[in-house]
Amino acid sequence: RSTERLTKLYDAAGDVRDLIEYVRANAGELGIDGDRLC
């Protein structure tokens, strides 16, 4: 989601946080080492 000129920072940041949590929780299926991220 967009921050919509910084008025929804937590919405966008929450998406990034949830993306990271999803990647780490599903790392095996995604072919990713969840402990080595950039």
Full PDB file with SEQRES, HELIX, SHEET, SSBOND, CRYST1, ORIGX, SCALE, CONECT and MASTER records, all heavy atoms in Angstrom:
SEQRES   1 A   38  ARG SER THR GLU ARG LEU THR LYS LEU TYR ASP ALA ALA          
SEQRES   2 A   38  GLY ASP VAL ARG ASP LEU ILE GLU TYR VAL ARG ALA ASN          
SEQRES   3 A   38  ALA GLY GLU LEU GLY ILE ASP GLY ASP ARG LEU CYS              
HELIX    1 AA1 LEU A    9  ALA A   25  1                                  17    
HELIX    2 AA2 ALA A   27  LEU A   30  1                                   4    
CRYST1    1.000    1.000    1.000  90.00  90.00  90.00 P 1           1          
ORIGX1      1.000000  0.000000  0.000000        0.00000                         
ORIGX2      0.000000  1.000000  0.000000        0.00000                         
ORIGX3      0.000000  0.000000  1.000000        0.00000                         
SCALE1      1.000000  0.000000  0.000000        0.00000                         
SCALE2      0.000000  1.000000  0.000000        0.00000                         
SCALE3      0.000000  0.000000  1.000000        0.00000                         
ATOM      1  N   ARG A   1       0.818  -1.205   0.000  1.00  0.00           N  
ATOM      2  CA  ARG A   1       0.000   0.000   0.000  1.00  0.00           C  
ATOM      3  C   ARG A   1       0.857   1.263   0.000  1.00  0.00           C  
ATOM      4  O   ARG A   1       2.011   1.249   0.427  1.00  0.00           O  
ATOM      5  CB  ARG A   1      -0.943  -0.015   1.211  1.00  0.00           C  
ATOM      6  CG  ARG A   1      -2.124  -0.952   1.048  1.00  0.00           C  
ATOM      7  CD  ARG A   1      -2.943  -1.053   2.313  1.00  0.00           C  
ATOM      8  NE  ARG A   1      -2.242  -1.820   3.345  1.00  0.00           N  
ATOM      9  CZ  ARG A   1      -2.732  -2.039   4.557  1.00  0.00           C  
ATOM     10  NH1 ARG A   1      -3.908  -1.538   4.897  1.00  0.00           N  
ATOM     11  NH2 ARG A   1      -2.043  -2.746   5.431  1.00  0.00           N  
ATOM     12  N   SER A   2       0.240   2.351  -0.453  1.00  0.00           N  
ATOM     13  CA  SER A   2       0.894   3.656  -0.467  1.00  0.00           C  
ATOM     14  C   SER A   2       0.818   4.298   0.918  1.00  0.00           C  
ATOM     15  O   SER A   2      -0.138   4.069   1.674  1.00  0.00           O  
ATOM     16  CB  SER A   2       0.210   4.567  -1.486  1.00  0.00           C  
ATOM     17  OG  SER A   2       0.701   5.891  -1.410  1.00  0.00           O  
ATOM     18  N   THR A   3       1.818   5.118   1.251  1.00  0.00           N  
ATOM     19  CA  THR A   3       1.711   5.920   2.469  1.00  0.00           C  
ATOM     20  C   THR A   3       0.788   7.112   2.269  1.00  0.00           C  
ATOM     21  O   THR A   3       0.445   7.790   3.237  1.00  0.00           O  
ATOM     22  CB  THR A   3       3.081   6.460   2.928  1.00  0.00           C  
ATOM     23  OG1 THR A   3       3.500   7.524   2.060  1.00  0.00           O  
ATOM     24  CG2 THR A   3       4.134   5.373   2.973  1.00  0.00           C  
ATOM     25  N   GLU A   4       0.397   7.363   1.023  1.00  0.00           N  
ATOM     26  CA  GLU A   4      -0.484   8.486   0.679  1.00  0.00           C  
ATOM     27  C   GLU A   4       0.014   9.783   1.324  1.00  0.00           C  
ATOM     28  O   GLU A   4      -0.632  10.377   2.177  1.00  0.00           O  
ATOM     29  CB  GLU A   4      -1.933   8.167   1.053  1.00  0.00           C  
ATOM     30  CG  GLU A   4      -2.467   6.968   0.271  1.00  0.00           C  
ATOM     31  CD  GLU A   4      -3.937   6.723   0.449  1.00  0.00           C  
ATOM     32  OE1 GLU A   4      -4.690   7.704   0.635  1.00  0.00           O  
ATOM     33  OE2 GLU A   4      -4.351   5.540   0.385  1.00  0.00           O  
ATOM     34  N   ARG A   5       1.211  10.158   0.869  1.00  0.00           N  
ATOM     35  CA  ARG A   5       1.884  11.379   1.325  1.00  0.00           C  
ATOM     36  C   ARG A   5       2.144  11.349   2.841  1.00  0.00           C  
ATOM     37  O   ARG A   5       1.942  12.331   3.551  1.00  0.00           O  
ATOM     38  CB  ARG A   5       1.084  12.625   0.933  1.00  0.00           C  
ATOM     39  CG  ARG A   5       0.962  12.803  -0.573  1.00  0.00           C  
ATOM     40  CD  ARG A   5       0.236  14.079  -0.928  1.00  0.00           C  
ATOM     41  NE  ARG A   5       0.137  14.247  -2.365  1.00  0.00           N  
ATOM     42  CZ  ARG A   5       1.066  14.813  -3.127  1.00  0.00           C  
ATOM     43  NH1 ARG A   5       2.176  15.269  -2.583  1.00  0.00           N  
ATOM     44  NH2 ARG A   5       0.879  14.931  -4.427  1.00  0.00           N  
ATOM     45  N   LEU A   6       2.576  10.186   3.306  1.00  0.00           N  
ATOM     46  CA  LEU A   6       2.996   9.948   4.696  1.00  0.00           C  
ATOM     47  C   LEU A   6       1.832   9.864   5.675  1.00  0.00           C  
ATOM     48  O   LEU A   6       2.061   9.683   6.875  1.00  0.00           O  
ATOM     49  CB  LEU A   6       3.983  11.020   5.183  1.00  0.00           C  
ATOM     50  CG  LEU A   6       5.247  11.228   4.335  1.00  0.00           C  
ATOM     51  CD1 LEU A   6       6.120  12.311   4.975  1.00  0.00           C  
ATOM     52  CD2 LEU A   6       6.033   9.937   4.169  1.00  0.00           C  
ATOM     53  N   THR A   7       0.598   9.936   5.202  1.00  0.00           N  
ATOM     54  CA  THR A   7      -0.542   9.891   6.115  1.00  0.00           C  
ATOM     55  C   THR A   7      -0.893   8.462   6.525  1.00  0.00           C  
ATOM     56  O   THR A   7      -1.640   8.257   7.488  1.00  0.00           O  
ATOM     57  CB  THR A   7      -1.780  10.549   5.489  1.00  0.00           C  
ATOM     58  OG1 THR A   7      -2.143   9.832   4.298  1.00  0.00           O  
ATOM     59  CG2 THR A   7      -1.509  12.011   5.150  1.00  0.00           C  
ATOM     60  N   LYS A   8      -0.357   7.471   5.800  1.00  0.00           N  
ATOM     61  CA  LYS A   8      -0.648   6.074   6.115  1.00  0.00           C  
ATOM     62  C   LYS A   8       0.649   5.267   6.195  1.00  0.00           C  
ATOM     63  O   LYS A   8       0.765   4.175   5.628  1.00  0.00           O  
ATOM     64  CB  LYS A   8      -1.605   5.491   5.079  1.00  0.00           C  
ATOM     65  CG  LYS A   8      -2.975   6.157   5.090  1.00  0.00           C  
ATOM     66  CD  LYS A   8      -3.947   5.505   4.135  1.00  0.00           C  
ATOM     67  CE  LYS A   8      -5.324   6.167   4.216  1.00  0.00           C  
ATOM     68  NZ  LYS A   8      -6.297   5.525   3.293  1.00  0.00           N  
ATOM     69  N   LEU A   9       1.601   5.820   6.911  1.00  0.00           N  
ATOM     70  CA  LEU A   9       2.903   5.165   7.048  1.00  0.00           C  
ATOM     71  C   LEU A   9       2.768   3.765   7.636  1.00  0.00           C  
ATOM     72  O   LEU A   9       3.426   2.821   7.186  1.00  0.00           O  
ATOM     73  CB  LEU A   9       3.818   6.013   7.933  1.00  0.00           C  
ATOM     74  CG  LEU A   9       4.532   7.185   7.250  1.00  0.00           C  
ATOM     75  CD1 LEU A   9       5.082   8.140   8.300  1.00  0.00           C  
ATOM     76  CD2 LEU A   9       5.647   6.681   6.347  1.00  0.00           C  
ATOM     77  N   TYR A  10       1.906   3.617   8.641  1.00  0.00           N  
ATOM     78  CA  TYR A  10       1.812   2.318   9.304  1.00  0.00           C  
ATOM     79  C   TYR A  10       1.147   1.262   8.422  1.00  0.00           C  
ATOM     80  O   TYR A  10       1.446   0.069   8.557  1.00  0.00           O  
ATOM     81  CB  TYR A  10       1.084   2.454  10.638  1.00  0.00           C  
ATOM     82  CG  TYR A  10       1.961   3.058  11.704  1.00  0.00           C  
ATOM     83  CD1 TYR A  10       1.861   4.394  12.036  1.00  0.00           C  
ATOM     84  CD2 TYR A  10       2.929   2.291  12.350  1.00  0.00           C  
ATOM     85  CE1 TYR A  10       2.675   4.962  13.003  1.00  0.00           C  
ATOM     86  CE2 TYR A  10       3.750   2.843  13.319  1.00  0.00           C  
ATOM     87  CZ  TYR A  10       3.616   4.182  13.645  1.00  0.00           C  
ATOM     88  OH  TYR A  10       4.434   4.732  14.593  1.00  0.00           O  
ATOM     89  N   ASP A  11       0.281   1.680   7.522  1.00  0.00           N  
ATOM     90  CA  ASP A  11      -0.305   0.719   6.585  1.00  0.00           C  
ATOM     91  C   ASP A  11       0.787   0.146   5.678  1.00  0.00           C  
ATOM     92  O   ASP A  11       0.916  -1.077   5.526  1.00  0.00           O  
ATOM     93  CB  ASP A  11      -1.382   1.383   5.728  1.00  0.00           C  
ATOM     94  CG  ASP A  11      -2.671   1.631   6.491  1.00  0.00           C  
ATOM     95  OD1 ASP A  11      -2.787   1.155   7.636  1.00  0.00           O  
ATOM     96  OD2 ASP A  11      -3.558   2.313   5.939  1.00  0.00           O  
ATOM     97  N   ALA A  12       1.552   1.029   5.061  1.00  0.00           N  
ATOM     98  CA  ALA A  12       2.606   0.581   4.151  1.00  0.00           C  
ATOM     99  C   ALA A  12       3.690  -0.193   4.892  1.00  0.00           C  
ATOM    100  O   ALA A  12       4.159  -1.238   4.423  1.00  0.00           O  
ATOM    101  CB  ALA A  12       3.211   1.780   3.426  1.00  0.00           C  
ATOM    102  N   ALA A  13       4.083   0.307   6.058  1.00  0.00           N  
ATOM    103  CA  ALA A  13       5.110  -0.383   6.840  1.00  0.00           C  
ATOM    104  C   ALA A  13       4.614  -1.748   7.298  1.00  0.00           C  
ATOM    105  O   ALA A  13       5.380  -2.721   7.333  1.00  0.00           O  
ATOM    106  CB  ALA A  13       5.510   0.466   8.039  1.00  0.00           C  
ATOM    107  N   GLY A  14       3.327  -1.832   7.641  1.00  0.00           N  
ATOM    108  CA  GLY A  14       2.762  -3.113   8.033  1.00  0.00           C  
ATOM    109  C   GLY A  14       2.806  -4.126   6.905  1.00  0.00           C  
ATOM    110  O   GLY A  14       3.025  -5.325   7.135  1.00  0.00           O  
ATOM    111  N   ASP A  15       2.635  -3.654   5.671  1.00  0.00           N  
ATOM    112  CA  ASP A  15       2.746  -4.557   4.527  1.00  0.00           C  
ATOM    113  C   ASP A  15       4.167  -5.091   4.390  1.00  0.00           C  
ATOM    114  O   ASP A  15       4.372  -6.281   4.118  1.00  0.00           O  
ATOM    115  CB  ASP A  15       2.336  -3.836   3.239  1.00  0.00           C  
ATOM    116  CG  ASP A  15       0.857  -3.495   3.194  1.00  0.00           C  
ATOM    117  OD1 ASP A  15       0.089  -4.047   4.020  1.00  0.00           O  
ATOM    118  OD2 ASP A  15       0.476  -2.663   2.356  1.00  0.00           O  
ATOM    119  N   VAL A  16       5.149  -4.222   4.555  1.00  0.00           N  
ATOM    120  CA  VAL A  16       6.545  -4.662   4.466  1.00  0.00           C  
ATOM    121  C   VAL A  16       6.850  -5.664   5.585  1.00  0.00           C  
ATOM    122  O   VAL A  16       7.469  -6.708   5.361  1.00  0.00           O  
ATOM    123  CB  VAL A  16       7.508  -3.464   4.522  1.00  0.00           C  
ATOM    124  CG1 VAL A  16       8.962  -3.941   4.483  1.00  0.00           C  
ATOM    125  CG2 VAL A  16       7.236  -2.502   3.370  1.00  0.00           C  
ATOM    126  N   ARG A  17       6.395  -5.346   6.793  1.00  0.00           N  
ATOM    127  CA  ARG A  17       6.591  -6.270   7.922  1.00  0.00           C  
ATOM    128  C   ARG A  17       5.932  -7.620   7.638  1.00  0.00           C  
ATOM    129  O   ARG A  17       6.533  -8.688   7.851  1.00  0.00           O  
ATOM    130  CB  ARG A  17       5.984  -5.657   9.180  1.00  0.00           C  
ATOM    131  CG  ARG A  17       6.060  -6.551  10.430  1.00  0.00           C  
ATOM    132  CD  ARG A  17       5.026  -6.114  11.442  1.00  0.00           C  
ATOM    133  NE  ARG A  17       3.673  -6.218  10.908  1.00  0.00           N  
ATOM    134  CZ  ARG A  17       2.685  -5.361  11.176  1.00  0.00           C  
ATOM    135  NH1 ARG A  17       2.885  -4.329  11.980  1.00  0.00           N  
ATOM    136  NH2 ARG A  17       1.483  -5.539  10.645  1.00  0.00           N  
ATOM    137  N   ASP A  18       4.693  -7.600   7.137  1.00  0.00           N  
ATOM    138  CA  ASP A  18       3.971  -8.844   6.879  1.00  0.00           C  
ATOM    139  C   ASP A  18       4.614  -9.630   5.733  1.00  0.00           C  
ATOM    140  O   ASP A  18       4.614 -10.872   5.741  1.00  0.00           O  
ATOM    141  CB  ASP A  18       2.508  -8.557   6.565  1.00  0.00           C  
ATOM    142  CG  ASP A  18       1.757  -8.021   7.780  1.00  0.00           C  
ATOM    143  OD1 ASP A  18       2.261  -8.164   8.913  1.00  0.00           O  
ATOM    144  OD2 ASP A  18       0.659  -7.444   7.587  1.00  0.00           O  
ATOM    145  N   LEU A  19       5.143  -8.909   4.746  1.00  0.00           N  
ATOM    146  CA  LEU A  19       5.867  -9.572   3.657  1.00  0.00           C  
ATOM    147  C   LEU A  19       7.074 -10.319   4.214  1.00  0.00           C  
ATOM    148  O   LEU A  19       7.307 -11.495   3.880  1.00  0.00           O  
ATOM    149  CB  LEU A  19       6.285  -8.534   2.612  1.00  0.00           C  
ATOM    150  CG  LEU A  19       7.098  -8.941   1.376  1.00  0.00           C  
ATOM    151  CD1 LEU A  19       8.561  -9.121   1.645  1.00  0.00           C  
ATOM    152  CD2 LEU A  19       6.498 -10.141   0.684  1.00  0.00           C  
ATOM    153  N   ILE A  20       7.841  -9.666   5.074  1.00  0.00           N  
ATOM    154  CA  ILE A  20       9.018 -10.318   5.663  1.00  0.00           C  
ATOM    155  C   ILE A  20       8.595 -11.533   6.476  1.00  0.00           C  
ATOM    156  O   ILE A  20       9.208 -12.615   6.376  1.00  0.00           O  
ATOM    157  CB  ILE A  20       9.798  -9.320   6.532  1.00  0.00           C  
ATOM    158  CG1 ILE A  20      10.416  -8.220   5.655  1.00  0.00           C  
ATOM    159  CG2 ILE A  20      10.896 -10.032   7.326  1.00  0.00           C  
ATOM    160  CD1 ILE A  20      11.023  -7.080   6.438  1.00  0.00           C  
ATOM    161  N   GLU A  21       7.554 -11.399   7.271  1.00  0.00           N  
ATOM    162  CA  GLU A  21       7.087 -12.525   8.080  1.00  0.00           C  
ATOM    163  C   GLU A  21       6.624 -13.682   7.193  1.00  0.00           C  
ATOM    164  O   GLU A  21       6.894 -14.854   7.489  1.00  0.00           O  
ATOM    165  CB  GLU A  21       5.955 -12.068   9.006  1.00  0.00           C  
ATOM    166  CG  GLU A  21       6.433 -11.132  10.116  1.00  0.00           C  
ATOM    167  CD  GLU A  21       5.305 -10.673  11.023  1.00  0.00           C  
ATOM    168  OE1 GLU A  21       4.125 -11.021  10.746  1.00  0.00           O  
ATOM    169  OE2 GLU A  21       5.595  -9.967  12.012  1.00  0.00           O  
ATOM    170  N   TYR A  22       5.945 -13.360   6.090  1.00  0.00           N  
ATOM    171  CA  TYR A  22       5.494 -14.402   5.176  1.00  0.00           C  
ATOM    172  C   TYR A  22       6.688 -15.112   4.540  1.00  0.00           C  
ATOM    173  O   TYR A  22       6.732 -16.352   4.471  1.00  0.00           O  
ATOM    174  CB  TYR A  22       4.600 -13.801   4.088  1.00  0.00           C  
ATOM    175  CG  TYR A  22       4.080 -14.839   3.116  1.00  0.00           C  
ATOM    176  CD1 TYR A  22       2.864 -15.472   3.355  1.00  0.00           C  
ATOM    177  CD2 TYR A  22       4.810 -15.190   1.987  1.00  0.00           C  
ATOM    178  CE1 TYR A  22       2.390 -16.444   2.478  1.00  0.00           C  
ATOM    179  CE2 TYR A  22       4.352 -16.160   1.114  1.00  0.00           C  
ATOM    180  CZ  TYR A  22       3.143 -16.791   1.355  1.00  0.00           C  
ATOM    181  OH  TYR A  22       2.689 -17.755   0.493  1.00  0.00           O  
ATOM    182  N   VAL A  23       7.663 -14.339   4.070  1.00  0.00           N  
ATOM    183  CA  VAL A  23       8.842 -14.923   3.434  1.00  0.00           C  
ATOM    184  C   VAL A  23       9.575 -15.842   4.408  1.00  0.00           C  
ATOM    185  O   VAL A  23       9.980 -16.961   4.058  1.00  0.00           O  
ATOM    186  CB  VAL A  23       9.771 -13.810   2.912  1.00  0.00           C  
ATOM    187  CG1 VAL A  23      11.152 -14.365   2.562  1.00  0.00           C  
ATOM    188  CG2 VAL A  23       9.150 -13.132   1.689  1.00  0.00           C  
ATOM    189  N   ARG A  24       9.742 -15.413   5.641  1.00  0.00           N  
ATOM    190  CA  ARG A  24      10.464 -16.230   6.613  1.00  0.00           C  
ATOM    191  C   ARG A  24       9.659 -17.471   7.009  1.00  0.00           C  
ATOM    192  O   ARG A  24      10.215 -18.558   7.169  1.00  0.00           O  
ATOM    193  CB  ARG A  24      10.826 -15.405   7.839  1.00  0.00           C  
ATOM    194  CG  ARG A  24      11.732 -14.211   7.503  1.00  0.00           C  
ATOM    195  CD  ARG A  24      12.314 -13.577   8.760  1.00  0.00           C  
ATOM    196  NE  ARG A  24      13.381 -14.402   9.294  1.00  0.00           N  
ATOM    197  CZ  ARG A  24      13.517 -14.740  10.570  1.00  0.00           C  
ATOM    198  NH1 ARG A  24      12.617 -14.347  11.463  1.00  0.00           N  
ATOM    199  NH2 ARG A  24      14.524 -15.481  10.968  1.00  0.00           N  
ATOM    200  N   ALA A  25       8.349 -17.324   7.157  1.00  0.00           N  
ATOM    201  CA  ALA A  25       7.518 -18.463   7.544  1.00  0.00           C  
ATOM    202  C   ALA A  25       7.389 -19.493   6.428  1.00  0.00           C  
ATOM    203  O   ALA A  25       7.174 -20.683   6.693  1.00  0.00           O  
ATOM    204  CB  ALA A  25       6.133 -17.978   7.960  1.00  0.00           C  
ATOM    205  N   ASN A  26       7.515 -19.042   5.172  1.00  0.00           N  
ATOM    206  CA  ASN A  26       7.357 -19.931   4.017  1.00  0.00           C  
ATOM    207  C   ASN A  26       8.660 -20.059   3.226  1.00  0.00           C  
ATOM    208  O   ASN A  26       8.635 -20.336   2.020  1.00  0.00           O  
ATOM    209  CB  ASN A  26       6.244 -19.398   3.111  1.00  0.00           C  
ATOM    210  CG  ASN A  26       4.898 -19.381   3.798  1.00  0.00           C  
ATOM    211  OD1 ASN A  26       4.193 -20.379   3.827  1.00  0.00           O  
ATOM    212  ND2 ASN A  26       4.538 -18.247   4.378  1.00  0.00           N  
ATOM    213  N   ALA A  27       9.777 -19.888   3.916  1.00  0.00           N  
ATOM    214  CA  ALA A  27      11.071 -19.833   3.245  1.00  0.00           C  
ATOM    215  C   ALA A  27      11.364 -21.101   2.449  1.00  0.00           C  
ATOM    216  O   ALA A  27      11.868 -21.033   1.319  1.00  0.00           O  
ATOM    217  CB  ALA A  27      12.178 -19.580   4.270  1.00  0.00           C  
ATOM    218  N   GLY A  28      11.062 -22.265   3.009  1.00  0.00           N  
ATOM    219  CA  GLY A  28      11.349 -23.509   2.306  1.00  0.00           C  
ATOM    220  C   GLY A  28      10.596 -23.615   0.999  1.00  0.00           C  
ATOM    221  O   GLY A  28      11.174 -23.947  -0.044  1.00  0.00           O  
ATOM    222  N   GLU A  29       9.309 -23.312   1.050  1.00  0.00           N  
ATOM    223  CA  GLU A  29       8.486 -23.374  -0.164  1.00  0.00           C  
ATOM    224  C   GLU A  29       8.933 -22.359  -1.202  1.00  0.00           C  
ATOM    225  O   GLU A  29       8.862 -22.603  -2.416  1.00  0.00           O  
ATOM    226  CB  GLU A  29       7.026 -23.126   0.208  1.00  0.00           C  
ATOM    227  CG  GLU A  29       6.072 -23.171  -0.961  1.00  0.00           C  
ATOM    228  CD  GLU A  29       4.643 -22.820  -0.566  1.00  0.00           C  
ATOM    229  OE1 GLU A  29       4.361 -22.748   0.646  1.00  0.00           O  
ATOM    230  OE2 GLU A  29       3.823 -22.604  -1.477  1.00  0.00           O  
ATOM    231  N   LEU A  30       9.410 -21.206  -0.745  1.00  0.00           N  
ATOM    232  CA  LEU A  30       9.828 -20.140  -1.666  1.00  0.00           C  
ATOM    233  C   LEU A  30      11.270 -20.309  -2.147  1.00  0.00           C  
ATOM    234  O   LEU A  30      11.717 -19.543  -3.006  1.00  0.00           O  
ATOM    235  CB  LEU A  30       9.677 -18.780  -0.972  1.00  0.00           C  
ATOM    236  CG  LEU A  30       8.257 -18.371  -0.587  1.00  0.00           C  
ATOM    237  CD1 LEU A  30       8.279 -17.082   0.234  1.00  0.00           C  
ATOM    238  CD2 LEU A  30       7.370 -18.206  -1.818  1.00  0.00           C  
ATOM    239  N   GLY A  31      12.007 -21.255  -1.591  1.00  0.00           N  
ATOM    240  CA  GLY A  31      13.400 -21.440  -1.984  1.00  0.00           C  
ATOM    241  C   GLY A  31      14.305 -20.337  -1.467  1.00  0.00           C  
ATOM    242  O   GLY A  31      15.246 -19.914  -2.150  1.00  0.00           O  
ATOM    243  N   ILE A  32      14.025 -19.889  -0.239  1.00  0.00           N  
ATOM    244  CA  ILE A  32      14.741 -18.758   0.352  1.00  0.00           C  
ATOM    245  C   ILE A  32      15.313 -19.160   1.702  1.00  0.00           C  
ATOM    246  O   ILE A  32      14.695 -19.924   2.454  1.00  0.00           O  
ATOM    247  CB  ILE A  32      13.778 -17.562   0.499  1.00  0.00           C  
ATOM    248  CG1 ILE A  32      13.528 -16.906  -0.867  1.00  0.00           C  
ATOM    249  CG2 ILE A  32      14.291 -16.525   1.498  1.00  0.00           C  
ATOM    250  CD1 ILE A  32      12.452 -15.850  -0.854  1.00  0.00           C  
ATOM    251  N   ASP A  33      16.482 -18.647   2.013  1.00  0.00           N  
ATOM    252  CA  ASP A  33      17.057 -18.763   3.349  1.00  0.00           C  
ATOM    253  C   ASP A  33      16.532 -17.581   4.162  1.00  0.00           C  
ATOM    254  O   ASP A  33      16.997 -16.449   3.994  1.00  0.00           O  
ATOM    255  CB  ASP A  33      18.584 -18.746   3.275  1.00  0.00           C  
ATOM    256  CG  ASP A  33      19.251 -18.898   4.633  1.00  0.00           C  
ATOM    257  OD1 ASP A  33      18.565 -18.718   5.662  1.00  0.00           O  
ATOM    258  OD2 ASP A  33      20.458 -19.175   4.677  1.00  0.00           O  
ATOM    259  N   GLY A  34      15.566 -17.821   5.031  1.00  0.00           N  
ATOM    260  CA  GLY A  34      14.922 -16.744   5.765  1.00  0.00           C  
ATOM    261  C   GLY A  34      15.798 -16.050   6.777  1.00  0.00           C  
ATOM    262  O   GLY A  34      15.423 -15.008   7.316  1.00  0.00           O  
ATOM    263  N   ASP A  35      16.983 -16.599   7.031  1.00  0.00           N  
ATOM    264  CA  ASP A  35      17.912 -15.969   7.968  1.00  0.00           C  
ATOM    265  C   ASP A  35      18.979 -15.134   7.263  1.00  0.00           C  
ATOM    266  O   ASP A  35      19.881 -14.613   7.919  1.00  0.00           O  
ATOM    267  CB  ASP A  35      18.592 -17.033   8.840  1.00  0.00           C  
ATOM    268  CG  ASP A  35      17.631 -17.674   9.816  1.00  0.00           C  
ATOM    269  OD1 ASP A  35      16.709 -16.968  10.276  1.00  0.00           O  
ATOM    270  OD2 ASP A  35      17.782 -18.877  10.107  1.00  0.00           O  
ATOM    271  N   ARG A  36      18.855 -15.021   5.933  1.00  0.00           N  
ATOM    272  CA  ARG A  36      19.814 -14.207   5.177  1.00  0.00           C  
ATOM    273  C   ARG A  36      19.040 -13.351   4.176  1.00  0.00           C  
ATOM    274  O   ARG A  36      18.827 -13.744   3.039  1.00  0.00           O  
ATOM    275  CB  ARG A  36      20.851 -15.088   4.476  1.00  0.00           C  
ATOM    276  CG  ARG A  36      21.822 -15.764   5.423  1.00  0.00           C  
ATOM    277  CD  ARG A  36      22.984 -16.394   4.680  1.00  0.00           C  
ATOM    278  NE  ARG A  36      22.558 -17.555   3.907  1.00  0.00           N  
ATOM    279  CZ  ARG A  36      23.327 -18.169   3.003  1.00  0.00           C  
ATOM    280  NH1 ARG A  36      24.534 -17.687   2.715  1.00  0.00           N  
ATOM    281  NH2 ARG A  36      22.878 -19.232   2.357  1.00  0.00           N  
ATOM    282  N   LEU A  37      18.632 -12.175   4.655  1.00  0.00           N  
ATOM    283  CA  LEU A  37      17.844 -11.268   3.828  1.00  0.00           C  
ATOM    284  C   LEU A  37      18.545  -9.926   3.691  1.00  0.00           C  
ATOM    285  O   LEU A  37      19.267  -9.490   4.585  1.00  0.00           O  
ATOM    286  CB  LEU A  37      16.462 -11.043   4.450  1.00  0.00           C  
ATOM    287  CG  LEU A  37      15.598 -12.269   4.727  1.00  0.00           C  
ATOM    288  CD1 LEU A  37      14.268 -11.842   5.337  1.00  0.00           C  
ATOM    289  CD2 LEU A  37      15.372 -13.088   3.465  1.00  0.00           C  
ATOM    290  N   CYS A  38      18.297  -9.281   2.561  1.00  0.00           N  
ATOM    291  CA  CYS A  38      18.729  -7.904   2.325  1.00  0.00           C  
ATOM    292  C   CYS A  38      17.482  -7.081   2.023  1.00  0.00           C  
ATOM    293  O   CYS A  38      16.606  -7.518   1.271  1.00  0.00           O  
ATOM    294  CB  CYS A  38      19.692  -7.831   1.140  1.00  0.00           C  
ATOM    295  SG  CYS A  38      20.059  -6.145   0.561  1.00  0.00           S  
TER     296      CYS A  38                                                      
MASTER        0    0    0    2    0    0    0    6  295    1    0    3          
END                                                                             
